[in-house]
Amino acid sequence: MIDKMLKVVIWIIEITPSLYKNRLRKKILLRLLQDNKYKWRKLKILTERTGTTEQECRGLLTEIKARGSKNEQSGEEIWGLIERVGV
């Protein structure tokens, strides 16, 4: 019984920093995507500002209700909040 409780405590200690870090990253993404200067932001910029990989960033972006698209001129992947850019 103590062994199981110890495993749970260790798991909580290990996962807590990443949960906190992801919450901060989501706040950064929201600030970037709510900036009135930009309706869309390049994925490259979003990953640089949050310190995430492209895949991690995409996951966080979908959690904050953003959607991706492709810039027709440059071909770069871009993201915007659904409430601002539509579905």
Protein backbone atom coordinates (compact mmCIF):
# COMPACT_ATOMS: atom_id res chain seq x y z
CA MET A 1 0.00 0.00 0.00
CA ILE A 2 2.77 2.44 0.91
CA ASP A 3 4.57 1.52 -2.30
CA LYS A 4 1.53 2.51 -4.39
CA MET A 5 1.13 5.78 -2.48
CA LEU A 6 4.80 6.57 -2.97
CA LYS A 7 4.47 5.96 -6.73
CA VAL A 8 1.50 8.34 -6.88
CA VAL A 9 3.39 11.05 -4.96
CA ILE A 10 6.41 10.69 -7.26
CA TRP A 11 4.13 10.87 -10.32
CA ILE A 12 2.49 14.06 -9.01
CA ILE A 13 5.89 15.63 -8.32
CA GLU A 14 7.08 14.75 -11.83
CA ILE A 15 4.00 15.96 -13.70
CA THR A 16 3.31 19.21 -11.78
CA PRO A 17 6.12 21.28 -13.37
CA SER A 18 5.03 20.39 -16.90
CA LEU A 19 1.39 21.26 -16.12
CA TYR A 20 2.48 24.63 -14.74
CA LYS A 21 4.80 25.20 -17.71
CA ASN A 22 2.01 24.38 -20.19
CA ARG A 23 -0.36 26.77 -18.42
CA LEU A 24 2.22 29.55 -18.82
CA ARG A 25 2.78 28.62 -22.47
CA LYS A 26 -0.96 28.83 -23.16
CA LYS A 27 -1.04 32.32 -21.63
CA ILE A 28 1.84 33.38 -23.88
CA LEU A 29 0.09 31.93 -26.94
CA LEU A 30 -3.14 33.71 -26.08
CA ARG A 31 -1.34 37.04 -25.71
CA LEU A 32 0.39 36.57 -29.04
CA LEU A 33 -2.81 35.57 -30.84
CA GLN A 34 -4.94 38.31 -29.24
CA ASP A 35 -2.54 41.07 -30.31
CA ASN A 36 -4.55 43.42 -32.53
CA LYS A 37 -1.55 43.91 -34.84
CA TYR A 38 -1.80 40.32 -36.07
CA LYS A 39 -4.77 38.16 -36.97
CA TRP A 40 -2.47 35.22 -37.82
CA ARG A 41 0.93 34.27 -36.38
CA LYS A 42 3.60 32.03 -37.87
CA LEU A 43 4.08 28.70 -36.11
CA LYS A 44 7.82 29.39 -36.07
CA ILE A 45 7.30 32.54 -33.98
CA LEU A 46 4.91 30.77 -31.62
CA THR A 47 7.34 27.91 -30.99
CA GLU A 48 10.24 30.30 -30.42
CA ARG A 49 8.28 32.39 -27.92
CA THR A 50 7.00 29.38 -25.97
CA GLY A 51 10.09 27.19 -26.12
CA THR A 52 8.15 24.27 -27.57
CA THR A 53 8.52 21.93 -30.49
CA GLU A 54 6.14 22.37 -33.41
CA GLN A 55 4.12 19.34 -32.28
CA GLU A 56 3.89 20.54 -28.66
CA CYS A 57 2.87 24.00 -29.82
CA ARG A 58 0.15 22.63 -32.12
CA GLY A 59 -1.31 20.70 -29.19
CA LEU A 60 -1.37 23.78 -26.97
CA LEU A 61 -2.87 25.87 -29.77
CA THR A 62 -5.77 23.47 -30.26
CA GLU A 63 -6.38 23.50 -26.50
CA ILE A 64 -6.81 27.29 -26.57
CA LYS A 65 -9.18 27.03 -29.55
CA ALA A 66 -6.86 28.18 -32.31
CA ARG A 67 -6.68 26.78 -35.82
CA GLY A 68 -3.93 26.44 -38.34
CA SER A 69 -3.74 27.44 -41.97
CA LYS A 70 -1.11 28.00 -44.63
CA ASN A 71 0.09 31.39 -45.81
CA GLU A 72 -0.63 31.39 -49.54
CA GLN A 73 2.36 33.58 -50.38
CA SER A 74 5.09 32.01 -48.26
CA GLY A 75 3.65 28.55 -47.68
CA GLU A 76 4.38 28.88 -43.96
CA GLU A 77 2.10 27.36 -41.33
CA ILE A 78 0.14 30.08 -39.52
CA TRP A 79 -2.26 30.01 -36.57
CA GLY A 80 -5.07 32.23 -35.31
CA LEU A 81 -7.76 32.11 -32.65
CA ILE A 82 -11.01 30.72 -34.04
CA GLU A 83 -12.93 33.61 -32.45
CA ARG A 84 -10.85 36.02 -34.59
CA VAL A 85 -10.27 34.11 -37.84
CA GLY A 86 -13.33 31.86 -38.02
CA VAL A 87 -13.51 28.15 -38.58
